[in-house]
PDB file of N, CA and C in Angstrom:
ATOM      1  N   MET A   1       0.824  -1.187   0.000  1.00  0.00           N
ATOM      2  CA  MET A   1       0.000   0.000   0.000  1.00  0.00           C
ATOM      3  C   MET A   1       0.874   1.259   0.000  1.00  0.00           C
ATOM      4  N   LYS A   2       2.023   1.196   0.686  1.00  0.00           N
ATOM      5  CA  LYS A   2       2.921   2.354   0.701  1.00  0.00           C
ATOM      6  C   LYS A   2       3.451   2.651  -0.696  1.00  0.00           C
ATOM      7  N   ARG A   3       3.712   1.583  -1.462  1.00  0.00           N
ATOM      8  CA  ARG A   3       4.203   1.779  -2.830  1.00  0.00           C
ATOM      9  C   ARG A   3       3.132   2.431  -3.703  1.00  0.00           C
ATOM     10  N   ILE A   4       1.887   2.022  -3.511  1.00  0.00           N
ATOM     11  CA  ILE A   4       0.792   2.636  -4.277  1.00  0.00           C
ATOM     12  C   ILE A   4       0.718   4.109  -3.943  1.00  0.00           C
ATOM     13  N   LEU A   5       0.748   4.424  -2.666  1.00  0.00           N
ATOM     14  CA  LEU A   5       0.651   5.812  -2.215  1.00  0.00           C
ATOM     15  C   LEU A   5       1.817   6.640  -2.747  1.00  0.00           C
ATOM     16  N   ALA A   6       3.025   6.129  -2.653  1.00  0.00           N
ATOM     17  CA  ALA A   6       4.198   6.863  -3.134  1.00  0.00           C
ATOM     18  C   ALA A   6       4.138   7.085  -4.643  1.00  0.00           C
ATOM     19  N   THR A   7       3.716   6.077  -5.367  1.00  0.00           N
ATOM     20  CA  THR A   7       3.623   6.207  -6.819  1.00  0.00           C
ATOM     21  C   THR A   7       2.544   7.208  -7.211  1.00  0.00           C
ATOM     22  N   ILE A   8       1.428   7.171  -6.520  1.00  0.00           N
ATOM     23  CA  ILE A   8       0.351   8.119  -6.829  1.00  0.00           C
ATOM     24  C   ILE A   8       0.770   9.543  -6.495  1.00  0.00           C
ATOM     25  N   ILE A   9       1.446   9.729  -5.388  1.00  0.00           N
ATOM     26  CA  ILE A   9       1.920  11.071  -5.034  1.00  0.00           C
ATOM     27  C   ILE A   9       2.890  11.572  -6.096  1.00  0.00           C
ATOM     28  N   MET A  10       3.774  10.699  -6.555  1.00  0.00           N
ATOM     29  CA  MET A  10       4.697  11.084  -7.613  1.00  0.00           C
ATOM     30  C   MET A  10       3.928  11.427  -8.889  1.00  0.00           C
ATOM     31  N   PHE A  11       2.912  10.642  -9.187  1.00  0.00           N
ATOM     32  CA  PHE A  11       2.096  10.901 -10.379  1.00  0.00           C
ATOM     33  C   PHE A  11       1.393  12.245 -10.274  1.00  0.00           C
ATOM     34  N   LEU A  12       0.876  12.579  -9.101  1.00  0.00           N
ATOM     35  CA  LEU A  12       0.227  13.878  -8.913  1.00  0.00           C
ATOM     36  C   LEU A  12       1.212  15.011  -9.167  1.00  0.00           C
ATOM     37  N   ALA A  13       2.437  14.837  -8.745  1.00  0.00           N
ATOM     38  CA  ALA A  13       3.456  15.866  -8.973  1.00  0.00           C
ATOM     39  C   ALA A  13       3.771  15.993 -10.459  1.00  0.00           C
ATOM     40  N   VAL A  14       3.898  14.859 -11.142  1.00  0.00           N
ATOM     41  CA  VAL A  14       4.187  14.873 -12.574  1.00  0.00           C
ATOM     42  C   VAL A  14       3.009  15.456 -13.351  1.00  0.00           C
ATOM     43  N   GLN A  15       1.803  15.206 -12.875  1.00  0.00           N
ATOM     44  CA  GLN A  15       0.612  15.698 -13.556  1.00  0.00           C
ATOM     45  C   GLN A  15       0.643  17.218 -13.683  1.00  0.00           C
ATOM     46  N   ASN A  16       1.322  17.899 -12.785  1.00  0.00           N
ATOM     47  CA  ASN A  16       1.405  19.353 -12.847  1.00  0.00           C
ATOM     48  C   ASN A  16       2.099  19.846 -14.107  1.00  0.00           C
ATOM     49  N   ALA A  17       2.790  18.963 -14.813  1.00  0.00           N
ATOM     50  CA  ALA A  17       3.429  19.361 -16.065  1.00  0.00           C
ATOM     51  C   ALA A  17       2.399  19.799 -17.093  1.00  0.00           C
ATOM     52  N   TRP A  18       1.203  19.255 -17.031  1.00  0.00           N
ATOM     53  CA  TRP A  18       0.146  19.694 -17.937  1.00  0.00           C
ATOM     54  C   TRP A  18      -1.031  20.270 -17.157  1.00  0.00           C
ATOM     55  N   ALA A  19      -0.828  20.561 -15.876  1.00  0.00           N
ATOM     56  CA  ALA A  19      -1.915  20.984 -14.997  1.00  0.00           C
ATOM     57  C   ALA A  19      -2.454  22.370 -15.309  1.00  0.00           C
ATOM     58  N   ILE A  20      -1.697  23.209 -16.034  1.00  0.00           N
ATOM     59  CA  ILE A  20      -2.226  24.542 -16.293  1.00  0.00           C
ATOM     60  C   ILE A  20      -3.543  24.455 -17.051  1.00  0.00           C
ATOM     61  N   ASP A  21      -3.649  23.567 -18.018  1.00  0.00           N
ATOM     62  CA  ASP A  21      -4.901  23.393 -18.738  1.00  0.00           C
ATOM     63  C   ASP A  21      -5.970  22.776 -17.844  1.00  0.00           C
ATOM     64  N   ILE A  22      -5.576  21.792 -17.065  1.00  0.00           N
ATOM     65  CA  ILE A  22      -6.512  21.163 -16.135  1.00  0.00           C
ATOM     66  C   ILE A  22      -6.973  22.195 -15.117  1.00  0.00           C
ATOM     67  N   HIS A  23      -6.018  22.950 -14.601  1.00  0.00           N
ATOM     68  CA  HIS A  23      -6.347  23.940 -13.581  1.00  0.00           C
ATOM     69  C   HIS A  23      -7.331  24.975 -14.131  1.00  0.00           C
ATOM     70  N   ASP A  24      -7.085  25.457 -15.325  1.00  0.00           N
ATOM     71  CA  ASP A  24      -8.005  26.425 -15.940  1.00  0.00           C
ATOM     72  C   ASP A  24      -9.400  25.830 -16.092  1.00  0.00           C
ATOM     73  N   ALA A  25      -9.462  24.592 -16.554  1.00  0.00           N
ATOM     74  CA  ALA A  25     -10.762  23.938 -16.733  1.00  0.00           C
ATOM     75  C   ALA A  25     -11.453  23.719 -15.389  1.00  0.00           C
ATOM     76  N   LYS A  26     -10.675  23.371 -14.369  1.00  0.00           N
ATOM     77  CA  LYS A  26     -11.261  23.205 -13.041  1.00  0.00           C
ATOM     78  C   LYS A  26     -11.708  24.547 -12.469  1.00  0.00           C
ATOM     79  N   ASP A  27     -10.894  25.581 -12.669  1.00  0.00           N
ATOM     80  CA  ASP A  27     -11.268  26.921 -12.198  1.00  0.00           C
ATOM     81  C   ASP A  27     -12.596  27.376 -12.794  1.00  0.00           C
ATOM     82  N   GLN A  28     -12.832  26.994 -14.042  1.00  0.00           N
ATOM     83  CA  GLN A  28     -14.058  27.396 -14.733  1.00  0.00           C
ATOM     84  C   GLN A  28     -15.227  26.456 -14.442  1.00  0.00           C
ATOM     85  N   GLY A  29     -14.974  25.417 -13.652  1.00  0.00           N
ATOM     86  CA  GLY A  29     -16.036  24.475 -13.304  1.00  0.00           C
ATOM     87  C   GLY A  29     -16.430  23.554 -14.439  1.00  0.00           C
ATOM     88  N   LEU A  30     -15.532  23.360 -15.386  1.00  0.00           N
ATOM     89  CA  LEU A  30     -15.832  22.536 -16.561  1.00  0.00           C
ATOM     90  C   LEU A  30     -15.554  21.059 -16.335  1.00  0.00           C
ATOM     91  N   VAL A  31     -14.544  20.761 -15.520  1.00  0.00           N
ATOM     92  CA  VAL A  31     -14.151  19.380 -15.257  1.00  0.00           C
ATOM     93  C   VAL A  31     -13.950  19.177 -13.762  1.00  0.00           C
ATOM     94  N   GLY A  32     -14.005  17.916 -13.371  1.00  0.00           N
ATOM     95  CA  GLY A  32     -13.775  17.583 -11.977  1.00  0.00           C
ATOM     96  C   GLY A  32     -13.262  16.168 -11.864  1.00  0.00           C
ATOM     97  N   GLU A  33     -12.956  15.778 -10.650  1.00  0.00           N
ATOM     98  CA  GLU A  33     -12.447  14.437 -10.361  1.00  0.00           C
ATOM     99  C   GLU A  33     -13.626  13.488 -10.190  1.00  0.00           C
ATOM    100  N   SER A  34     -13.751  12.530 -11.104  1.00  0.00           N
ATOM    101  CA  SER A  34     -14.860  11.577 -11.016  1.00  0.00           C
ATOM    102  C   SER A  34     -14.484  10.424 -10.088  1.00  0.00           C
ATOM    103  N   ARG A  35     -15.486   9.731  -9.604  1.00  0.00           N
ATOM    104  CA  ARG A  35     -15.270   8.620  -8.671  1.00  0.00           C
ATOM    105  C   ARG A  35     -14.469   7.488  -9.309  1.00  0.00           C
ATOM    106  N   SER A  36     -14.381   7.479 -10.621  1.00  0.00           N
ATOM    107  CA  SER A  36     -13.630   6.426 -11.318  1.00  0.00           C
ATOM    108  C   SER A  36     -12.125   6.635 -11.237  1.00  0.00           C
ATOM    109  N   GLY A  37     -11.702   7.823 -10.770  1.00  0.00           N
ATOM    110  CA  GLY A  37     -10.277   8.142 -10.750  1.00  0.00           C
ATOM    111  C   GLY A  37      -9.841   8.922 -11.979  1.00  0.00           C
ATOM    112  N   TYR A  38     -10.779   9.150 -12.866  1.00  0.00           N
ATOM    113  CA  TYR A  38     -10.487   9.867 -14.097  1.00  0.00           C
ATOM    114  C   TYR A  38     -11.126  11.248 -14.069  1.00  0.00           C
ATOM    115  N   LEU A  39     -10.632  12.119 -14.918  1.00  0.00           N
ATOM    116  CA  LEU A  39     -11.184  13.454 -15.082  1.00  0.00           C
ATOM    117  C   LEU A  39     -12.484  13.325 -15.874  1.00  0.00           C
ATOM    118  N   ALA A  40     -13.479  14.143 -15.547  1.00  0.00           N
ATOM    119  CA  ALA A  40     -14.756  14.085 -16.260  1.00  0.00           C
ATOM    120  C   ALA A  40     -15.347  15.474 -16.380  1.00  0.00           C
ATOM    121  N   ALA A  41     -16.215  15.634 -17.365  1.00  0.00           N
ATOM    122  CA  ALA A  41     -16.929  16.891 -17.558  1.00  0.00           C
ATOM    123  C   ALA A  41     -17.989  17.028 -16.470  1.00  0.00           C
ATOM    124  N   VAL A  42     -18.100  18.215 -15.918  1.00  0.00           N
ATOM    125  CA  VAL A  42     -19.091  18.466 -14.876  1.00  0.00           C
ATOM    126  C   VAL A  42     -20.474  18.653 -15.499  1.00  0.00           C
ATOM    127  N   ASN A  43     -20.535  19.300 -16.649  1.00  0.00           N
ATOM    128  CA  ASN A  43     -21.835  19.481 -17.303  1.00  0.00           C
ATOM    129  C   ASN A  43     -21.999  18.462 -18.426  1.00  0.00           C
ATOM    130  N   SER A  44     -23.204  18.338 -18.925  1.00  0.00           N
ATOM    131  CA  SER A  44     -23.503  17.281 -19.891  1.00  0.00           C
ATOM    132  C   SER A  44     -23.127  17.615 -21.334  1.00  0.00           C
ATOM    133  N   SER A  45     -22.717  18.848 -21.601  1.00  0.00           N
ATOM    134  CA  SER A  45     -22.368  19.187 -22.985  1.00  0.00           C
ATOM    135  C   SER A  45     -21.044  19.961 -23.048  1.00  0.00           C
ATOM    136  N   PRO A  46     -19.941  19.253 -22.768  1.00  0.00           N
ATOM    137  CA  PRO A  46     -18.636  19.920 -22.812  1.00  0.00           C
ATOM    138  C   PRO A  46     -18.228  20.265 -24.244  1.00  0.00           C
ATOM    139  N   SER A  47     -17.396  21.261 -24.375  1.00  0.00           N
ATOM    140  CA  SER A  47     -16.886  21.647 -25.689  1.00  0.00           C
ATOM    141  C   SER A  47     -15.907  20.595 -26.203  1.00  0.00           C
ATOM    142  N   ALA A  48     -15.590  20.690 -27.471  1.00  0.00           N
ATOM    143  CA  ALA A  48     -14.605  19.779 -28.066  1.00  0.00           C
ATOM    144  C   ALA A  48     -13.252  19.930 -27.389  1.00  0.00           C
ATOM    145  N   GLU A  49     -12.900  21.173 -27.023  1.00  0.00           N
ATOM    146  CA  GLU A  49     -11.627  21.425 -26.345  1.00  0.00           C
ATOM    147  C   GLU A  49     -11.581  20.735 -24.982  1.00  0.00           C
ATOM    148  N   VAL A  50     -12.680  20.805 -24.238  1.00  0.00           N
ATOM    149  CA  VAL A  50     -12.750  20.150 -22.932  1.00  0.00           C
ATOM    150  C   VAL A  50     -12.706  18.635 -23.109  1.00  0.00           C
ATOM    151  N   ASN A  51     -13.434  18.117 -24.082  1.00  0.00           N
ATOM    152  CA  ASN A  51     -13.395  16.670 -24.346  1.00  0.00           C
ATOM    153  C   ASN A  51     -11.990  16.206 -24.703  1.00  0.00           C
ATOM    154  N   SER A  52     -11.274  17.009 -25.465  1.00  0.00           N
ATOM    155  CA  SER A  52      -9.902  16.677 -25.840  1.00  0.00           C
ATOM    156  C   SER A  52      -8.992  16.661 -24.616  1.00  0.00           C
ATOM    157  N   LEU A  53      -9.140  17.654 -23.756  1.00  0.00           N
ATOM    158  CA  LEU A  53      -8.357  17.714 -22.515  1.00  0.00           C
ATOM    159  C   LEU A  53      -8.635  16.487 -21.659  1.00  0.00           C
ATOM    160  N   ILE A  54      -9.908  16.165 -21.493  1.00  0.00           N
ATOM    161  CA  ILE A  54     -10.290  15.002 -20.686  1.00  0.00           C
ATOM    162  C   ILE A  54      -9.673  13.728 -21.255  1.00  0.00           C
ATOM    163  N   ALA A  55      -9.776  13.544 -22.554  1.00  0.00           N
ATOM    164  CA  ALA A  55      -9.229  12.345 -23.195  1.00  0.00           C
ATOM    165  C   ALA A  55      -7.719  12.247 -23.004  1.00  0.00           C
ATOM    166  N   ASP A  56      -7.022  13.378 -23.155  1.00  0.00           N
ATOM    167  CA  ASP A  56      -5.572  13.391 -23.009  1.00  0.00           C
ATOM    168  C   ASP A  56      -5.159  13.064 -21.573  1.00  0.00           C
ATOM    169  N   VAL A  57      -5.783  13.719 -20.627  1.00  0.00           N
ATOM    170  CA  VAL A  57      -5.457  13.488 -19.215  1.00  0.00           C
ATOM    171  C   VAL A  57      -5.768  12.049 -18.833  1.00  0.00           C
ATOM    172  N   ASN A  58      -6.927  11.561 -19.237  1.00  0.00           N
ATOM    173  CA  ASN A  58      -7.323  10.209 -18.845  1.00  0.00           C
ATOM    174  C   ASN A  58      -6.469   9.126 -19.490  1.00  0.00           C
ATOM    175  N   LYS A  59      -5.988   9.374 -20.687  1.00  0.00           N
ATOM    176  CA  LYS A  59      -5.069   8.424 -21.326  1.00  0.00           C
ATOM    177  C   LYS A  59      -3.786   8.323 -20.498  1.00  0.00           C
ATOM    178  N   LYS A  60      -3.282   9.454 -20.063  1.00  0.00           N
ATOM    179  CA  LYS A  60      -2.066   9.474 -19.237  1.00  0.00           C
ATOM    180  C   LYS A  60      -2.320   8.839 -17.881  1.00  0.00           C
ATOM    181  N   ARG A  61      -3.478   9.123 -17.304  1.00  0.00           N
ATOM    182  CA  ARG A  61      -3.813   8.516 -16.019  1.00  0.00           C
ATOM    183  C   ARG A  61      -3.899   7.004 -16.156  1.00  0.00           C
ATOM    184  N   ARG A  62      -4.574   6.528 -17.177  1.00  0.00           N
ATOM    185  CA  ARG A  62      -4.734   5.079 -17.376  1.00  0.00           C
ATOM    186  C   ARG A  62      -3.365   4.399 -17.492  1.00  0.00           C
ATOM    187  N   THR A  63      -2.478   5.016 -18.246  1.00  0.00           N
ATOM    188  CA  THR A  63      -1.130   4.465 -18.390  1.00  0.00           C
ATOM    189  C   THR A  63      -0.437   4.390 -17.024  1.00  0.00           C
ATOM    190  N   GLN A  64      -0.544   5.454 -16.246  1.00  0.00           N
ATOM    191  CA  GLN A  64       0.094   5.477 -14.932  1.00  0.00           C
ATOM    192  C   GLN A  64      -0.574   4.490 -13.976  1.00  0.00           C
ATOM    193  N   PHE A  65      -1.894   4.391 -14.025  1.00  0.00           N
ATOM    194  CA  PHE A  65      -2.597   3.426 -13.174  1.00  0.00           C
ATOM    195  C   PHE A  65      -2.143   2.004 -13.493  1.00  0.00           C
ATOM    196  N   GLU A  66      -1.983   1.694 -14.773  1.00  0.00           N
ATOM    197  CA  GLU A  66      -1.537   0.360 -15.174  1.00  0.00           C
ATOM    198  C   GLU A  66      -0.125   0.078 -14.679  1.00  0.00           C
ATOM    199  N   LYS A  67       0.766   1.052 -14.822  1.00  0.00           N
ATOM    200  CA  LYS A  67       2.146   0.880 -14.351  1.00  0.00           C
ATOM    201  C   LYS A  67       2.177   0.679 -12.838  1.00  0.00           C
ATOM    202  N   THR A  68       1.409   1.482 -12.135  1.00  0.00           N
ATOM    203  CA  THR A  68       1.371   1.381 -10.679  1.00  0.00           C
ATOM    204  C   THR A  68       0.792   0.044 -10.249  1.00  0.00           C
ATOM    205  N   ALA A  69      -0.247  -0.414 -10.927  1.00  0.00           N
ATOM    206  CA  ALA A  69      -0.850  -1.705 -10.600  1.00  0.00           C
ATOM    207  C   ALA A  69       0.155  -2.837 -10.784  1.00  0.00           C
ATOM    208  N   GLN A  70       0.924  -2.786 -11.862  1.00  0.00           N
ATOM    209  CA  GLN A  70       1.928  -3.821 -12.100  1.00  0.00           C
ATOM    210  C   GLN A  70       2.995  -3.809 -11.011  1.00  0.00           C
ATOM    211  N   LYS A  71       3.428  -2.626 -10.612  1.00  0.00           N
ATOM    212  CA  LYS A  71       4.487  -2.511  -9.611  1.00  0.00           C
ATOM    213  C   LYS A  71       4.037  -2.942  -8.222  1.00  0.00           C
ATOM    214  N   THR A  72       2.766  -2.787  -7.927  1.00  0.00           N
ATOM    215  CA  THR A  72       2.282  -2.991  -6.567  1.00  0.00           C
ATOM    216  C   THR A  72       1.404  -4.220  -6.399  1.00  0.00           C
ATOM    217  N   SER A  73       1.182  -4.954  -7.472  1.00  0.00           N
ATOM    218  CA  SER A  73       0.303  -6.127  -7.462  1.00  0.00           C
ATOM    219  C   SER A  73      -1.129  -5.769  -7.088  1.00  0.00           C
ATOM    220  N   ALA A  74      -1.503  -4.537  -7.325  1.00  0.00           N
ATOM    221  CA  ALA A  74      -2.882  -4.099  -7.122  1.00  0.00           C
ATOM    222  C   ALA A  74      -3.591  -4.162  -8.472  1.00  0.00           C
ATOM    223  N   THR A  75      -4.904  -4.021  -8.450  1.00  0.00           N
ATOM    224  CA  THR A  75      -5.632  -3.940  -9.709  1.00  0.00           C
ATOM    225  C   THR A  75      -5.654  -2.486 -10.174  1.00  0.00           C
ATOM    226  N   VAL A  76      -5.916  -2.287 -11.454  1.00  0.00           N
ATOM    227  CA  VAL A  76      -6.036  -0.928 -11.993  1.00  0.00           C
ATOM    228  C   VAL A  76      -7.168  -0.202 -11.267  1.00  0.00           C
ATOM    229  N   ALA A  77      -8.255  -0.900 -10.987  1.00  0.00           N
ATOM    230  CA  ALA A  77      -9.390  -0.288 -10.280  1.00  0.00           C
ATOM    231  C   ALA A  77      -8.994   0.159  -8.877  1.00  0.00           C
ATOM    232  N   GLN A  78      -8.183  -0.641  -8.184  1.00  0.00           N
ATOM    233  CA  GLN A  78      -7.729  -0.252  -6.844  1.00  0.00           C
ATOM    234  C   GLN A  78      -6.852   0.990  -6.903  1.00  0.00           C
ATOM    235  N   VAL A  79      -5.962   1.037  -7.875  1.00  0.00           N
ATOM    236  CA  VAL A  79      -5.086   2.198  -8.027  1.00  0.00           C
ATOM    237  C   VAL A  79      -5.914   3.432  -8.367  1.00  0.00           C
ATOM    238  N   ALA A  80      -6.853   3.290  -9.300  1.00  0.00           N
ATOM    239  CA  ALA A  80      -7.705   4.415  -9.689  1.00  0.00           C
ATOM    240  C   ALA A  80      -8.530   4.911  -8.509  1.00  0.00           C
ATOM    241  N   ASN A  81      -9.039   3.996  -7.707  1.00  0.00           N
ATOM    242  CA  ASN A  81      -9.824   4.373  -6.534  1.00  0.00           C
ATOM    243  C   ASN A  81      -8.969   5.147  -5.528  1.00  0.00           C
ATOM    244  N   ARG A  82      -7.761   4.670  -5.303  1.00  0.00           N
ATOM    245  CA  ARG A  82      -6.863   5.370  -4.360  1.00  0.00           C
ATOM    246  C   ARG A  82      -6.485   6.734  -4.921  1.00  0.00           C
ATOM    247  N   PHE A  83      -6.263   6.812  -6.220  1.00  0.00           N
ATOM    248  CA  PHE A  83      -5.956   8.090  -6.847  1.00  0.00           C
ATOM    249  C   PHE A  83      -7.113   9.070  -6.629  1.00  0.00           C
ATOM    250  N   TYR A  84      -8.344   8.594  -6.817  1.00  0.00           N
ATOM    251  CA  TYR A  84      -9.517   9.443  -6.596  1.00  0.00           C
ATOM    252  C   TYR A  84      -9.522   9.986  -5.167  1.00  0.00           C
ATOM    253  N   GLU A  85      -9.280   9.114  -4.191  1.00  0.00           N
ATOM    254  CA  GLU A  85      -9.279   9.544  -2.792  1.00  0.00           C
ATOM    255  C   GLU A  85      -8.248  10.652  -2.564  1.00  0.00           C
ATOM    256  N   LEU A  86      -7.056  10.467  -3.108  1.00  0.00           N
ATOM    257  CA  LEU A  86      -6.005  11.477  -2.944  1.00  0.00           C
ATOM    258  C   LEU A  86      -6.326  12.744  -3.728  1.00  0.00           C
ATOM    259  N   ALA A  87      -6.901  12.589  -4.911  1.00  0.00           N
ATOM    260  CA  ALA A  87      -7.253  13.750  -5.736  1.00  0.00           C
ATOM    261  C   ALA A  87      -8.310  14.603  -5.036  1.00  0.00           C
ATOM    262  N   VAL A  88      -9.277  13.967  -4.397  1.00  0.00           N
ATOM    263  CA  VAL A  88     -10.311  14.717  -3.668  1.00  0.00           C
ATOM    264  C   VAL A  88      -9.674  15.480  -2.517  1.00  0.00           C
ATOM    265  N   GLN A  89      -8.755  14.855  -1.822  1.00  0.00           N
ATOM    266  CA  GLN A  89      -8.060  15.545  -0.728  1.00  0.00           C
ATOM    267  C   GLN A  89      -7.325  16.775  -1.240  1.00  0.00           C
ATOM    268  N   LYS A  90      -6.767  16.677  -2.449  1.00  0.00           N
ATOM    269  CA  LYS A  90      -5.997  17.776  -3.017  1.00  0.00           C
ATOM    270  C   LYS A  90      -6.849  18.768  -3.805  1.00  0.00           C
ATOM    271  N   THR A  91      -8.132  18.457  -3.980  1.00  0.00           N
ATOM    272  CA  THR A  91      -9.009  19.341  -4.742  1.00  0.00           C
ATOM    273  C   THR A  91      -9.079  20.704  -4.072  1.00  0.00           C
ATOM    274  N   GLU A  92      -8.865  21.730  -4.870  1.00  0.00           N
ATOM    275  CA  GLU A  92      -8.879  23.092  -4.347  1.00  0.00           C
ATOM    276  C   GLU A  92     -10.302  23.556  -4.093  1.00  0.00           C
ATOM    277  N   SER A  93     -10.417  24.503  -3.199  1.00  0.00           N
ATOM    278  CA  SER A  93     -11.703  25.124  -2.920  1.00  0.00           C
ATOM    279  C   SER A  93     -12.270  25.707  -4.217  1.00  0.00           C
ATOM    280  N   GLY A  94     -13.537  25.429  -4.468  1.00  0.00           N
ATOM    281  CA  GLY A  94     -14.181  25.927  -5.675  1.00  0.00           C
ATOM    282  C   GLY A  94     -14.158  24.950  -6.832  1.00  0.00           C
ATOM    283  N   HIS A  95     -13.351  23.899  -6.735  1.00  0.00           N
ATOM    284  CA  HIS A  95     -13.279  22.892  -7.783  1.00  0.00           C
ATOM    285  C   HIS A  95     -14.252  21.761  -7.463  1.00  0.00           C
ATOM    286  N   TYR A  96     -14.587  20.980  -8.490  1.00  0.00           N
ATOM    287  CA  TYR A  96     -15.577  19.914  -8.346  1.00  0.00           C
ATOM    288  C   TYR A  96     -14.949  18.537  -8.205  1.00  0.00           C
ATOM    289  N   TYR A  97     -15.667  17.689  -7.458  1.00  0.00           N
ATOM    290  CA  TYR A  97     -15.384  16.261  -7.415  1.00  0.00           C
ATOM    291  C   TYR A  97     -16.724  15.547  -7.348  1.00  0.00           C
ATOM    292  N   GLN A  98     -16.715  14.299  -7.732  1.00  0.00           N
ATOM    293  CA  GLN A  98     -17.952  13.531  -7.781  1.00  0.00           C
ATOM    294  C   GLN A  98     -18.115  12.757  -6.478  1.00  0.00           C
ATOM    295  N   ALA A  99     -19.204  13.003  -5.791  1.00  0.00           N
ATOM    296  CA  ALA A  99     -19.499  12.314  -4.545  1.00  0.00           C
ATOM    297  C   ALA A  99     -20.221  10.998  -4.846  1.00  0.00           C
ATOM    298  N   SER A 100     -20.447  10.212  -3.797  1.00  0.00           N
ATOM    299  CA  SER A 100     -21.181   8.964  -4.009  1.00  0.00           C
ATOM    300  C   SER A 100     -22.542   9.277  -4.600  1.00  0.00           C
ATOM    301  N   GLY A 101     -23.008   8.402  -5.442  1.00  0.00           N
ATOM    302  CA  GLY A 101     -24.261   8.633  -6.139  1.00  0.00           C
ATOM    303  C   GLY A 101     -24.087   9.418  -7.429  1.00  0.00           C
ATOM    304  N   GLY A 102     -22.864   9.878  -7.706  1.00  0.00           N
ATOM    305  CA  GLY A 102     -22.586  10.566  -8.947  1.00  0.00           C
ATOM    306  C   GLY A 102     -22.812  12.061  -8.946  1.00  0.00           C
ATOM    307  N   LYS A 103     -23.243  12.603  -7.824  1.00  0.00           N
ATOM    308  CA  LYS A 103     -23.507  14.032  -7.755  1.00  0.00           C
ATOM    309  C   LYS A 103     -22.193  14.826  -7.719  1.00  0.00           C
ATOM    310  N   TRP A 104     -22.120  15.912  -8.517  1.00  0.00           N
ATOM    311  CA  TRP A 104     -20.957  16.772  -8.501  1.00  0.00           C
ATOM    312  C   TRP A 104     -21.058  17.737  -7.327  1.00  0.00           C
ATOM    313  N   VAL A 105     -19.959  17.837  -6.579  1.00  0.00           N
ATOM    314  CA  VAL A 105     -19.907  18.669  -5.385  1.00  0.00           C
ATOM    315  C   VAL A 105     -18.777  19.687  -5.549  1.00  0.00           C
ATOM    316  N   ARG A 106     -19.062  20.919  -5.216  1.00  0.00           N
ATOM    317  CA  ARG A 106     -18.019  21.950  -5.241  1.00  0.00           C
ATOM    318  C   ARG A 106     -17.399  21.999  -3.848  1.00  0.00           C
ATOM    319  N   LYS A 107     -16.105  21.863  -3.813  1.00  0.00           N
ATOM    320  CA  LYS A 107     -15.393  21.857  -2.523  1.00  0.00           C
ATOM    321  C   LYS A 107     -15.282  23.260  -1.968  1.00  0.00           C
TER     322      LYS A 107
END
């Protein structure tokens, strides 16, 4: 479990390399942290630019989740779930995350 946590923390730090776009989208309330561990659109009709950002971020997340799962003997779902928990903790005030039941909550 410590290896999962350390790898996820490292991944969160690396994610900041492209976080300016994510941060802008989160600041505008366009995207948030979904319960799946992936980035998702907060509203039902995101722009093509937002969809592209989501796809790019989630592709990178999936790759990292798979690598972490292999290193730690966890499943991809377990890694994604732990990432979600840590992402919610790090979610800034005013940004969205998905609560149980799928409802979007502004922190």
